[in-house]
Each structure stands twice: as C-alpha cells, then as structure tokens.
N, C-alpha and C. Protein backbone atom coordinates (compact mmCIF):
# COMPACT_ATOMS: atom_id res chain seq x y z
N UNK A 1 0.69 -1.42 -0.22
CA UNK A 1 0.36 -0.03 0.28
C UNK A 1 0.73 1.43 0.00
N UNK A 2 0.56 2.64 -0.80
CA UNK A 2 0.86 3.62 -0.65
C UNK A 2 0.38 4.81 -0.46
N UNK A 3 0.60 5.58 0.63
CA UNK A 3 -0.53 6.37 1.27
C UNK A 3 0.25 7.74 -0.02
N UNK A 4 -0.85 8.10 -0.08
CA UNK A 4 -0.35 8.90 -1.41
C UNK A 4 -0.06 10.59 -0.07
N UNK A 5 -0.82 10.59 0.79
CA UNK A 5 -0.60 12.04 1.59
C UNK A 5 1.08 11.95 2.13
N UNK A 6 1.33 10.59 2.59
CA UNK A 6 3.06 10.80 2.85
C UNK A 6 4.00 10.22 2.24
N UNK A 7 3.28 9.47 1.31
CA UNK A 7 4.25 8.76 0.30
C UNK A 7 5.20 7.18 1.18
N UNK A 8 4.35 6.98 2.62
CA UNK A 8 4.55 6.03 3.27
C UNK A 8 4.45 4.31 2.41
N UNK A 9 5.26 3.40 2.45
CA UNK A 9 4.68 2.61 1.62
C UNK A 9 4.55 1.09 2.66
N UNK A 10 3.21 0.51 2.53
CA UNK A 10 3.12 -0.55 3.45
C UNK A 10 2.82 -2.00 3.04
N UNK A 11 3.95 -3.17 3.42
CA UNK A 11 3.73 -4.00 2.76
C UNK A 11 2.51 -5.38 3.48
N UNK A 12 1.84 -5.53 3.01
CA UNK A 12 0.50 -6.05 3.58
C UNK A 12 0.75 -7.90 3.07
N UNK A 13 1.74 -8.22 2.32
CA UNK A 13 1.85 -9.69 2.18
C UNK A 13 3.20 -9.84 1.58
N UNK A 14 3.57 -10.55 1.59
CA UNK A 14 5.09 -10.94 0.06
C UNK A 14 5.28 -12.72 0.03
N UNK A 15 3.96 -13.26 0.23
CA UNK A 15 4.34 -14.92 -0.33
C UNK A 15 4.42 -15.38 -1.58
N UNK A 16 4.29 -14.13 -2.47
CA UNK A 16 4.22 -14.74 -3.56
C UNK A 16 3.26 -15.42 -4.62
N UNK A 17 2.07 -15.81 -3.70
CA UNK A 17 0.61 -16.15 -3.97
C UNK A 17 0.09 -15.36 -5.05
N UNK A 18 -0.56 -15.91 -6.18
CA UNK A 18 -1.55 -14.73 -6.74
C UNK A 18 -2.73 -14.40 -5.64
N UNK A 19 -2.80 -12.91 -5.69
CA UNK A 19 -3.90 -12.19 -4.93
C UNK A 19 -4.93 -11.42 -5.96
N UNK A 20 -6.19 -11.59 -6.22
CA UNK A 20 -6.85 -11.37 -6.99
C UNK A 20 -8.25 -10.60 -6.06
N UNK A 21 -8.82 -9.66 -6.85
CA UNK A 21 -10.63 -9.17 -5.92
C UNK A 21 -10.27 -8.09 -4.91
N UNK A 22 -8.84 -7.19 -5.09
CA UNK A 22 -9.02 -6.59 -3.55
C UNK A 22 -10.22 -5.38 -4.03
N UNK A 23 -10.68 -5.04 -2.61
CA UNK A 23 -11.63 -4.41 -2.26
C UNK A 23 -11.46 -3.52 -1.32
N UNK A 24 -11.52 -2.49 -1.00
CA UNK A 24 -11.64 -1.90 0.21
C UNK A 24 -13.08 -1.91 0.91
N UNK A 25 -13.38 -2.04 2.15
CA UNK A 25 -14.20 -1.64 3.23
C UNK A 25 -14.89 -0.57 2.83
N UNK A 26 -16.17 -0.45 2.72
CA UNK A 26 -16.93 1.07 2.58
C UNK A 26 -16.09 2.20 3.31
N UNK A 27 -15.60 2.35 4.33
CA UNK A 27 -14.88 2.68 5.30
C UNK A 27 -13.52 3.44 5.03
N UNK A 28 -12.92 2.22 4.14
CA UNK A 28 -11.30 2.01 3.77
C UNK A 28 -10.16 1.96 5.14
N UNK A 29 -11.36 1.06 5.94
CA UNK A 29 -10.18 0.62 7.07
C UNK A 29 -9.89 -0.95 7.07
N UNK A 30 -10.48 -1.39 5.99
CA UNK A 30 -10.21 -2.94 5.58
C UNK A 30 -9.55 -3.31 4.40
N UNK A 31 -8.84 -4.01 4.19
CA UNK A 31 -8.83 -4.43 2.27
C UNK A 31 -8.67 -5.79 2.34
N UNK A 32 -9.84 -6.38 1.87
CA UNK A 32 -10.06 -7.67 1.62
C UNK A 32 -9.52 -8.48 0.10
N UNK A 33 -9.24 -9.17 0.07
CA UNK A 33 -8.44 -9.99 -1.39
C UNK A 33 -8.47 -11.65 -1.33
N UNK A 34 -8.65 -12.08 -2.41
CA UNK A 34 -8.35 -13.56 -2.42
C UNK A 34 -7.23 -14.22 -2.87
N UNK A 35 -6.86 -15.20 -1.74
CA UNK A 35 -5.40 -15.56 -1.83
C UNK A 35 -5.20 -16.84 -2.73
N UNK A 36 -4.41 -16.99 -3.54
CA UNK A 36 -4.46 -18.68 -3.92
C UNK A 36 -5.20 -19.38 -5.15
N UNK A 37 -5.22 -19.88 -5.92
CA UNK A 37 -5.75 -20.21 -6.95
C UNK A 37 -6.98 -21.30 -7.00
N UNK A 38 -7.77 -21.02 -7.48
CA UNK A 38 -9.07 -21.92 -7.92
C UNK A 38 -9.76 -22.59 -6.19
N UNK A 39 -9.84 -23.88 -6.49
CA UNK A 39 -10.43 -24.82 -5.28
C UNK A 39 -9.67 -24.24 -4.18
N UNK A 40 -8.48 -24.03 -4.00
CA UNK A 40 -7.56 -23.49 -2.84
C UNK A 40 -7.42 -22.24 -2.52
N UNK A 41 -8.57 -21.37 -2.96
CA UNK A 41 -8.31 -19.60 -3.08
C UNK A 41 -9.16 -19.70 -1.64
N UNK A 42 -8.63 -18.53 -0.79
CA UNK A 42 -8.91 -18.46 0.60
C UNK A 42 -9.35 -16.75 0.07
N UNK A 43 -9.97 -16.20 0.81
CA UNK A 43 -10.63 -14.71 1.65
C UNK A 43 -9.43 -14.14 2.64
N UNK A 44 -9.01 -13.35 2.41
CA UNK A 44 -8.19 -12.54 3.30
C UNK A 44 -8.26 -11.21 3.58
N UNK A 45 -8.55 -10.70 4.68
CA UNK A 45 -8.92 -9.67 5.48
C UNK A 45 -7.84 -8.84 6.13
N UNK A 46 -7.36 -7.40 5.71
CA UNK A 46 -5.92 -7.15 6.29
C UNK A 46 -6.65 -5.64 6.68
N UNK A 47 -6.52 -5.62 7.86
CA UNK A 47 -6.85 -4.32 9.08
C UNK A 47 -6.07 -3.54 9.09
N UNK A 48 -6.07 -1.76 7.94
CA UNK A 48 -5.14 -1.13 8.01
C UNK A 48 -4.28 -0.39 9.39
N UNK A 49 -5.41 -0.60 10.48
CA UNK A 49 -4.78 0.47 11.33
C UNK A 49 -3.91 -0.63 12.36
N UNK A 50 -4.03 -2.17 12.40
CA UNK A 50 -3.40 -2.84 13.05
C UNK A 50 -2.38 -3.49 12.36
N UNK A 51 -2.83 -3.62 10.75
CA UNK A 51 -1.51 -4.43 9.90
C UNK A 51 -1.67 -6.01 10.21
N UNK A 52 -2.81 -6.23 10.99
CA UNK A 52 -3.11 -7.75 11.15
C UNK A 52 -4.08 -8.64 9.95
N UNK A 53 -3.20 -8.96 9.09
CA UNK A 53 -3.64 -10.08 7.83
C UNK A 53 -4.49 -11.40 8.70
N UNK A 54 -5.92 -11.46 8.31
CA UNK A 54 -6.48 -12.18 8.56
C UNK A 54 -6.99 -13.41 7.46
N UNK A 55 -7.39 -14.99 7.38
CA UNK A 55 -7.80 -15.46 6.49
C UNK A 55 -9.00 -16.44 7.19
N UNK A 56 -10.56 -16.21 6.16
CA UNK A 56 -11.45 -16.90 6.90
C UNK A 56 -10.91 -18.40 7.14
N UNK A 57 -11.45 -18.98 8.44
CA UNK A 57 -10.87 -19.49 9.20
C UNK A 57 -11.59 -21.10 8.91
N UNK A 58 -10.78 -22.24 8.82
CA UNK A 58 -11.70 -23.76 8.58
C UNK A 58 -11.34 -23.69 6.94
N UNK A 59 -11.80 -25.25 6.92
CA UNK A 59 -11.67 -25.97 5.63
C UNK A 59 -12.98 -25.68 5.02
N UNK A 60 -14.39 -25.29 5.58
CA UNK A 60 -15.53 -24.72 4.69
C UNK A 60 -15.54 -23.73 3.81
N UNK A 61 -14.80 -22.91 4.39
CA UNK A 61 -14.19 -21.58 3.13
C UNK A 61 -13.55 -21.44 2.78
N UNK A 62 -12.63 -22.45 2.57
CA UNK A 62 -11.17 -22.76 1.16
C UNK A 62 -12.72 -22.79 -0.24
N UNK A 63 -12.33 -21.52 -1.16
CA UNK A 63 -12.55 -21.82 -2.59
C UNK A 63 -13.22 -20.97 -2.56
N UNK A 64 -13.29 -20.04 -1.76
CA UNK A 64 -13.56 -18.74 -2.21
C UNK A 64 -13.92 -18.18 -3.83
N UNK A 65 -14.95 -17.87 -4.38
CA UNK A 65 -15.00 -17.50 -5.53
C UNK A 65 -15.60 -16.02 -5.89
N UNK A 66 -16.24 -15.71 -5.06
CA UNK A 66 -16.52 -13.75 -4.84
C UNK A 66 -17.34 -13.69 -3.78
N UNK A 67 -17.10 -12.26 -3.44
CA UNK A 67 -17.43 -12.10 -2.14
C UNK A 67 -17.78 -10.35 -2.19
N UNK A 68 -18.76 -9.79 -1.09
CA UNK A 68 -18.95 -8.41 -1.06
C UNK A 68 -18.78 -7.97 0.18
N UNK A 69 -18.61 -6.76 0.54
CA UNK A 69 -19.03 -5.93 1.61
C UNK A 69 -20.16 -5.60 1.92
N UNK A 70 -21.00 -5.53 3.01
CA UNK A 70 -21.71 -4.93 3.36
C UNK A 70 -22.19 -3.32 3.58
N UNK A 71 -23.00 -2.54 3.48
CA UNK A 71 -22.90 -1.61 2.71
C UNK A 71 -22.15 -0.93 4.05
N UNK A 72 -22.31 -1.12 5.72
CA UNK A 72 -21.65 -0.73 6.73
C UNK A 72 -20.44 -1.15 6.96
N UNK A 73 -19.30 -2.07 6.27
CA UNK A 73 -18.29 -2.35 5.90
C UNK A 73 -17.99 -3.56 7.48
N UNK A 74 -19.14 -4.29 8.01
CA UNK A 74 -18.50 -4.70 9.27
C UNK A 74 -18.99 -6.40 9.21
N UNK A 75 -19.63 -6.82 7.76
CA UNK A 75 -19.34 -8.39 7.14
C UNK A 75 -19.43 -8.22 5.72
N UNK A 76 -19.07 -9.53 5.72
CA UNK A 76 -18.74 -10.14 4.45
C UNK A 76 -19.60 -11.05 3.85
N UNK A 77 -20.25 -10.98 2.50
CA UNK A 77 -21.28 -12.23 1.67
C UNK A 77 -20.41 -12.70 0.86
N UNK A 78 -20.35 -14.02 1.05
CA UNK A 78 -19.33 -14.60 0.33
C UNK A 78 -19.52 -15.88 -0.44
N UNK A 79 -19.00 -16.30 -1.84
CA UNK A 79 -19.77 -17.26 -2.48
C UNK A 79 -18.57 -18.37 -2.97
N UNK A 80 -19.01 -19.41 -2.47
CA UNK A 80 -17.73 -20.53 -1.90
C UNK A 80 -17.97 -21.56 -3.29
N UNK A 81 -16.67 -21.82 -3.79
CA UNK A 81 -16.81 -22.90 -4.77
C UNK A 81 -16.96 -24.14 -4.13
N UNK A 82 -17.74 -25.23 -4.65
CA UNK A 82 -18.36 -26.18 -4.51
C UNK A 82 -17.99 -27.70 -5.54
N UNK A 83 -17.19 -27.16 -6.34
CA UNK A 83 -16.51 -28.16 -6.87
C UNK A 83 -17.07 -28.45 -8.54
N UNK A 84 -16.92 -29.40 -9.24
CA UNK A 84 -17.61 -29.80 -10.14
C UNK A 84 -18.66 -30.64 -9.97
N UNK A 85 -18.72 -31.83 -8.96
CA UNK A 85 -19.45 -32.79 -9.01
C UNK A 85 -20.49 -32.56 -8.46
C-alpha cells in the first residue's frame, strides 16, 4: 500500500501467492482480497490500523470465488466454490 499523503509504503503480503479481487471496505479501514488459486483460494482481510492479516478460518471457507462487503463494512458475503460434482 502507498499513502498518497505521506508517501509511506506498507507491505501487506510478500508470500508470492496469486492475489485477486482486492476490495476496500466502505470506510476504507479494511482491505479484502482472494489469495491462492482455484479450489485453494481463500479470503484474506487486512486491517489497516493494526496491520493484522487474517484468513477466513476453516476448510469450509476454502474455495471462495466471489465476495462483497456489506454497506456498513462490518460483514462479508461470500460465494464458495463447490467443485464440479
């Protein structure tokens, strides 16, 4: 991340894994993105103030394909990959 006001840079992740679908929460306090590929894709949320990076827990949340922030930014709606069967 790059602060346009100060020019300060913050590294959110450096693991080399593919990242897609970056979306800021409505208030701009959290950044969510998909990490990984295909059936191993996970939803990650980065909190700007604390620098905390959290993945959605559990095997049941692996395979996220689409997500959206609620209007107040307190909740994420997710669409999980169910496989081809």
